[in-house]
Amino acid sequence: MDQIINCYSIGEERLNAILQQDILKREKRVAKGRRAKNIGHHKIANMKKSNNNTRGLEENE
């Protein structure tokens, strides 16, 4: 639940900054960080590698 609240507050801050910069023109436009995500990235290759490592541990036990 804390992650959802944290994500919401970060998104709210970003949207308010964009509102002030692009729509209301009250602040200088700063585009740096607009593509930033608060999300962990998973690649299929890393997931397969991790899955293979866990299988090896289960067989040894």
PDB file of N, CA and C in Angstrom:
ATOM      1  N   MET A   1       0.821  -1.191   0.000  1.00  0.00           N
ATOM      2  CA  MET A   1       0.000   0.000   0.000  1.00  0.00           C
ATOM      3  C   MET A   1       0.865   1.255   0.000  1.00  0.00           C
ATOM      4  N   ASP A   2       2.000   1.188   0.714  1.00  0.00           N
ATOM      5  CA  ASP A   2       2.888   2.346   0.764  1.00  0.00           C
ATOM      6  C   ASP A   2       3.442   2.683  -0.616  1.00  0.00           C
ATOM      7  N   GLN A   3       3.708   1.654  -1.429  1.00  0.00           N
ATOM      8  CA  GLN A   3       4.229   1.893  -2.772  1.00  0.00           C
ATOM      9  C   GLN A   3       3.209   2.628  -3.633  1.00  0.00           C
ATOM     10  N   ILE A   4       1.948   2.288  -3.484  1.00  0.00           N
ATOM     11  CA  ILE A   4       0.897   2.952  -4.259  1.00  0.00           C
ATOM     12  C   ILE A   4       0.803   4.414  -3.862  1.00  0.00           C
ATOM     13  N   ILE A   5       0.836   4.687  -2.575  1.00  0.00           N
ATOM     14  CA  ILE A   5       0.756   6.065  -2.095  1.00  0.00           C
ATOM     15  C   ILE A   5       1.981   6.847  -2.553  1.00  0.00           C
ATOM     16  N   ASN A   6       3.154   6.233  -2.479  1.00  0.00           N
ATOM     17  CA  ASN A   6       4.385   6.882  -2.915  1.00  0.00           C
ATOM     18  C   ASN A   6       4.328   7.189  -4.410  1.00  0.00           C
ATOM     19  N   CYS A   7       3.888   6.241  -5.198  1.00  0.00           N
ATOM     20  CA  CYS A   7       3.776   6.424  -6.646  1.00  0.00           C
ATOM     21  C   CYS A   7       2.798   7.542  -6.974  1.00  0.00           C
ATOM     22  N   TYR A   8       1.681   7.584  -6.272  1.00  0.00           N
ATOM     23  CA  TYR A   8       0.672   8.617  -6.500  1.00  0.00           C
ATOM     24  C   TYR A   8       1.241   9.994  -6.199  1.00  0.00           C
ATOM     25  N   SER A   9       1.944  10.138  -5.084  1.00  0.00           N
ATOM     26  CA  SER A   9       2.472  11.450  -4.710  1.00  0.00           C
ATOM     27  C   SER A   9       3.548  11.915  -5.684  1.00  0.00           C
ATOM     28  N   ILE A  10       4.393  10.993  -6.162  1.00  0.00           N
ATOM     29  CA  ILE A  10       5.411  11.354  -7.149  1.00  0.00           C
ATOM     30  C   ILE A  10       4.740  11.809  -8.446  1.00  0.00           C
ATOM     31  N   GLY A  11       3.734  11.077  -8.892  1.00  0.00           N
ATOM     32  CA  GLY A  11       3.011  11.441 -10.112  1.00  0.00           C
ATOM     33  C   GLY A  11       2.300  12.767  -9.976  1.00  0.00           C
ATOM     34  N   GLU A  12       1.727  13.011  -8.820  1.00  0.00           N
ATOM     35  CA  GLU A  12       1.032  14.275  -8.576  1.00  0.00           C
ATOM     36  C   GLU A  12       2.006  15.449  -8.651  1.00  0.00           C
ATOM     37  N   GLU A  13       3.183  15.299  -8.065  1.00  0.00           N
ATOM     38  CA  GLU A  13       4.199  16.355  -8.122  1.00  0.00           C
ATOM     39  C   GLU A  13       4.632  16.613  -9.557  1.00  0.00           C
ATOM     40  N   ARG A  14       4.849  15.537 -10.322  1.00  0.00           N
ATOM     41  CA  ARG A  14       5.279  15.693 -11.719  1.00  0.00           C
ATOM     42  C   ARG A  14       4.213  16.381 -12.552  1.00  0.00           C
ATOM     43  N   LEU A  15       2.951  15.991 -12.359  1.00  0.00           N
ATOM     44  CA  LEU A  15       1.873  16.617 -13.125  1.00  0.00           C
ATOM     45  C   LEU A  15       1.707  18.085 -12.755  1.00  0.00           C
ATOM     46  N   ASN A  16       1.857  18.419 -11.481  1.00  0.00           N
ATOM     47  CA  ASN A  16       1.771  19.821 -11.069  1.00  0.00           C
ATOM     48  C   ASN A  16       2.909  20.641 -11.664  1.00  0.00           C
ATOM     49  N   ALA A  17       4.105  20.071 -11.732  1.00  0.00           N
ATOM     50  CA  ALA A  17       5.234  20.772 -12.340  1.00  0.00           C
ATOM     51  C   ALA A  17       4.975  21.017 -13.822  1.00  0.00           C
ATOM     52  N   ILE A  18       4.457  20.018 -14.520  1.00  0.00           N
ATOM     53  CA  ILE A  18       4.142  20.175 -15.946  1.00  0.00           C
ATOM     54  C   ILE A  18       3.047  21.217 -16.136  1.00  0.00           C
ATOM     55  N   LEU A  19       2.063  21.225 -15.279  1.00  0.00           N
ATOM     56  CA  LEU A  19       0.990  22.219 -15.342  1.00  0.00           C
ATOM     57  C   LEU A  19       1.559  23.625 -15.218  1.00  0.00           C
ATOM     58  N   GLN A  20       2.416  23.838 -14.234  1.00  0.00           N
ATOM     59  CA  GLN A  20       2.996  25.163 -14.014  1.00  0.00           C
ATOM     60  C   GLN A  20       3.891  25.591 -15.178  1.00  0.00           C
ATOM     61  N   GLN A  21       4.621  24.648 -15.766  1.00  0.00           N
ATOM     62  CA  GLN A  21       5.589  24.978 -16.808  1.00  0.00           C
ATOM     63  C   GLN A  21       4.952  25.118 -18.184  1.00  0.00           C
ATOM     64  N   ASP A  22       4.146  24.173 -18.583  1.00  0.00           N
ATOM     65  CA  ASP A  22       3.654  24.135 -19.961  1.00  0.00           C
ATOM     66  C   ASP A  22       2.310  24.823 -20.151  1.00  0.00           C
ATOM     67  N   ILE A  23       1.431  24.705 -19.203  1.00  0.00           N
ATOM     68  CA  ILE A  23       0.075  25.196 -19.408  1.00  0.00           C
ATOM     69  C   ILE A  23      -0.101  26.606 -18.867  1.00  0.00           C
ATOM     70  N   LEU A  24       0.293  26.809 -17.628  1.00  0.00           N
ATOM     71  CA  LEU A  24       0.121  28.124 -17.012  1.00  0.00           C
ATOM     72  C   LEU A  24       1.282  29.068 -17.308  1.00  0.00           C
ATOM     73  N   LYS A  25       2.404  28.543 -17.775  1.00  0.00           N
ATOM     74  CA  LYS A  25       3.607  29.309 -18.132  1.00  0.00           C
ATOM     75  C   LYS A  25       4.104  30.170 -16.972  1.00  0.00           C
ATOM     76  N   ARG A  26       3.970  29.685 -15.745  1.00  0.00           N
ATOM     77  CA  ARG A  26       4.432  30.426 -14.567  1.00  0.00           C
ATOM     78  C   ARG A  26       5.891  30.135 -14.249  1.00  0.00           C
ATOM     79  N   GLU A  27       6.399  29.018 -14.739  1.00  0.00           N
ATOM     80  CA  GLU A  27       7.779  28.628 -14.484  1.00  0.00           C
ATOM     81  C   GLU A  27       8.464  28.352 -15.813  1.00  0.00           C
ATOM     82  N   LYS A  28       9.805  28.437 -15.789  1.00  0.00           N
ATOM     83  CA  LYS A  28      10.574  28.101 -16.973  1.00  0.00           C
ATOM     84  C   LYS A  28      10.416  26.610 -17.251  1.00  0.00           C
ATOM     85  N   ARG A  29      10.292  26.251 -18.522  1.00  0.00           N
ATOM     86  CA  ARG A  29      10.079  24.855 -18.899  1.00  0.00           C
ATOM     87  C   ARG A  29      11.350  24.046 -18.686  1.00  0.00           C
ATOM     88  N   VAL A  30      11.242  23.004 -17.896  1.00  0.00           N
ATOM     89  CA  VAL A  30      12.350  22.090 -17.632  1.00  0.00           C
ATOM     90  C   VAL A  30      11.893  20.702 -18.063  1.00  0.00           C
ATOM     91  N   ALA A  31      12.480  20.202 -19.146  1.00  0.00           N
ATOM     92  CA  ALA A  31      12.061  18.905 -19.682  1.00  0.00           C
ATOM     93  C   ALA A  31      12.873  17.760 -19.094  1.00  0.00           C
ATOM     94  N   LYS A  32      13.922  18.057 -18.368  1.00  0.00           N
ATOM     95  CA  LYS A  32      14.775  17.006 -17.801  1.00  0.00           C
ATOM     96  C   LYS A  32      13.974  16.186 -16.796  1.00  0.00           C
ATOM     97  N   GLY A  33      14.039  14.874 -16.927  1.00  0.00           N
ATOM     98  CA  GLY A  33      13.362  13.990 -15.990  1.00  0.00           C
ATOM     99  C   GLY A  33      11.927  13.667 -16.347  1.00  0.00           C
ATOM    100  N   ARG A  34      11.438  14.139 -17.460  1.00  0.00           N
ATOM    101  CA  ARG A  34      10.045  13.865 -17.828  1.00  0.00           C
ATOM    102  C   ARG A  34       9.816  12.415 -18.209  1.00  0.00           C
ATOM    103  N   ARG A  35      10.857  11.751 -18.652  1.00  0.00           N
ATOM    104  CA  ARG A  35      10.715  10.339 -19.021  1.00  0.00           C
ATOM    105  C   ARG A  35      11.038   9.423 -17.853  1.00  0.00           C
ATOM    106  N   ALA A  36      11.366  10.009 -16.726  1.00  0.00           N
ATOM    107  CA  ALA A  36      11.746   9.203 -15.566  1.00  0.00           C
ATOM    108  C   ALA A  36      10.576   8.344 -15.111  1.00  0.00           C
ATOM    109  N   LYS A  37      10.907   7.157 -14.690  1.00  0.00           N
ATOM    110  CA  LYS A  37       9.883   6.230 -14.211  1.00  0.00           C
ATOM    111  C   LYS A  37      10.269   5.763 -12.825  1.00  0.00           C
ATOM    112  N   ASN A  38       9.299   5.534 -12.029  1.00  0.00           N
ATOM    113  CA  ASN A  38       9.540   5.003 -10.694  1.00  0.00           C
ATOM    114  C   ASN A  38       9.179   3.516 -10.686  1.00  0.00           C
ATOM    115  N   ILE A  39       9.686   2.827 -11.717  1.00  0.00           N
ATOM    116  CA  ILE A  39       9.314   1.432 -11.928  1.00  0.00           C
ATOM    117  C   ILE A  39      10.585   0.624 -12.166  1.00  0.00           C
ATOM    118  N   GLY A  40      10.665  -0.534 -11.580  1.00  0.00           N
ATOM    119  CA  GLY A  40      11.782  -1.425 -11.844  1.00  0.00           C
ATOM    120  C   GLY A  40      11.608  -2.097 -13.193  1.00  0.00           C
ATOM    121  N   HIS A  41      12.685  -2.245 -13.925  1.00  0.00           N
ATOM    122  CA  HIS A  41      12.614  -2.850 -15.253  1.00  0.00           C
ATOM    123  C   HIS A  41      13.052  -4.305 -15.182  1.00  0.00           C
ATOM    124  N   HIS A  42      12.341  -5.158 -15.865  1.00  0.00           N
ATOM    125  CA  HIS A  42      12.675  -6.575 -15.934  1.00  0.00           C
ATOM    126  C   HIS A  42      12.854  -6.951 -17.396  1.00  0.00           C
ATOM    127  N   LYS A  43      13.962  -7.593 -17.691  1.00  0.00           N
ATOM    128  CA  LYS A  43      14.201  -8.079 -19.039  1.00  0.00           C
ATOM    129  C   LYS A  43      13.992  -9.585 -19.036  1.00  0.00           C
ATOM    130  N   ILE A  44      13.500 -10.104 -20.137  1.00  0.00           N
ATOM    131  CA  ILE A  44      13.201 -11.530 -20.234  1.00  0.00           C
ATOM    132  C   ILE A  44      14.458 -12.359 -20.006  1.00  0.00           C
ATOM    133  N   ALA A  45      15.586 -11.917 -20.557  1.00  0.00           N
ATOM    134  CA  ALA A  45      16.831 -12.674 -20.383  1.00  0.00           C
ATOM    135  C   ALA A  45      17.208 -12.760 -18.909  1.00  0.00           C
ATOM    136  N   ASN A  46      17.062 -11.659 -18.185  1.00  0.00           N
ATOM    137  CA  ASN A  46      17.392 -11.668 -16.755  1.00  0.00           C
ATOM    138  C   ASN A  46      16.423 -12.543 -15.976  1.00  0.00           C
ATOM    139  N   MET A  47      15.157 -12.545 -16.373  1.00  0.00           N
ATOM    140  CA  MET A  47      14.168 -13.363 -15.678  1.00  0.00           C
ATOM    141  C   MET A  47      14.455 -14.848 -15.899  1.00  0.00           C
ATOM    142  N   LYS A  48      14.826 -15.219 -17.134  1.00  0.00           N
ATOM    143  CA  LYS A  48      15.153 -16.617 -17.423  1.00  0.00           C
ATOM    144  C   LYS A  48      16.388 -17.048 -16.646  1.00  0.00           C
ATOM    145  N   LYS A  49      17.381 -16.160 -16.597  1.00  0.00           N
ATOM    146  CA  LYS A  49      18.608 -16.465 -15.867  1.00  0.00           C
ATOM    147  C   LYS A  49      18.307 -16.667 -14.385  1.00  0.00           C
ATOM    148  N   SER A  50      17.492 -15.801 -13.834  1.00  0.00           N
ATOM    149  CA  SER A  50      17.113 -15.898 -12.426  1.00  0.00           C
ATOM    150  C   SER A  50      16.329 -17.183 -12.174  1.00  0.00           C
ATOM    151  N   ASN A  51      15.434 -17.523 -13.084  1.00  0.00           N
ATOM    152  CA  ASN A  51      14.625 -18.731 -12.958  1.00  0.00           C
ATOM    153  C   ASN A  51      15.510 -19.975 -13.001  1.00  0.00           C
ATOM    154  N   ASN A  52      16.499 -19.981 -13.885  1.00  0.00           N
ATOM    155  CA  ASN A  52      17.419 -21.120 -13.975  1.00  0.00           C
ATOM    156  C   ASN A  52      18.240 -21.258 -12.700  1.00  0.00           C
ATOM    157  N   ASN A  53      18.641 -20.146 -12.121  1.00  0.00           N
ATOM    158  CA  ASN A  53      19.419 -20.188 -10.878  1.00  0.00           C
ATOM    159  C   ASN A  53      18.590 -20.751  -9.736  1.00  0.00           C
ATOM    160  N   THR A  54      17.327 -20.403  -9.656  1.00  0.00           N
ATOM    161  CA  THR A  54      16.492 -20.903  -8.563  1.00  0.00           C
ATOM    162  C   THR A  54      16.197 -22.387  -8.746  1.00  0.00           C
ATOM    163  N   ARG A  55      16.079 -22.844  -9.974  1.00  0.00           N
ATOM    164  CA  ARG A  55      15.851 -24.276 -10.219  1.00  0.00           C
ATOM    165  C   ARG A  55      17.052 -25.089  -9.769  1.00  0.00           C
ATOM    166  N   GLY A  56      18.242 -24.586 -10.029  1.00  0.00           N
ATOM    167  CA  GLY A  56      19.453 -25.287  -9.620  1.00  0.00           C
ATOM    168  C   GLY A  56      19.556 -25.393  -8.110  1.00  0.00           C
ATOM    169  N   LEU A  57      19.112 -24.373  -7.405  1.00  0.00           N
ATOM    170  CA  LEU A  57      19.155 -24.401  -5.946  1.00  0.00           C
ATOM    171  C   LEU A  57      18.164 -25.411  -5.385  1.00  0.00           C
ATOM    172  N   GLU A  58      16.987 -25.518  -6.005  1.00  0.00           N
ATOM    173  CA  GLU A  58      15.965 -26.450  -5.527  1.00  0.00           C
ATOM    174  C   GLU A  58      16.406 -27.894  -5.722  1.00  0.00           C
ATOM    175  N   GLU A  59      17.087 -28.185  -6.831  1.00  0.00           N
ATOM    176  CA  GLU A  59      17.521 -29.551  -7.113  1.00  0.00           C
ATOM    177  C   GLU A  59      18.628 -29.990  -6.161  1.00  0.00           C
ATOM    178  N   ASN A  60      19.469 -29.051  -5.727  1.00  0.00           N
ATOM    179  CA  ASN A  60      20.578 -29.382  -4.829  1.00  0.00           C
ATOM    180  C   ASN A  60      20.103 -29.640  -3.411  1.00  0.00           C
ATOM    181  N   GLU A  61      18.962 -29.153  -3.052  1.00  0.00           N
ATOM    182  CA  GLU A  61      18.471 -29.301  -1.677  1.00  0.00           C
ATOM    183  C   GLU A  61      17.831 -30.617  -1.432  1.00  0.00           C
TER     184      GLU A  61
END
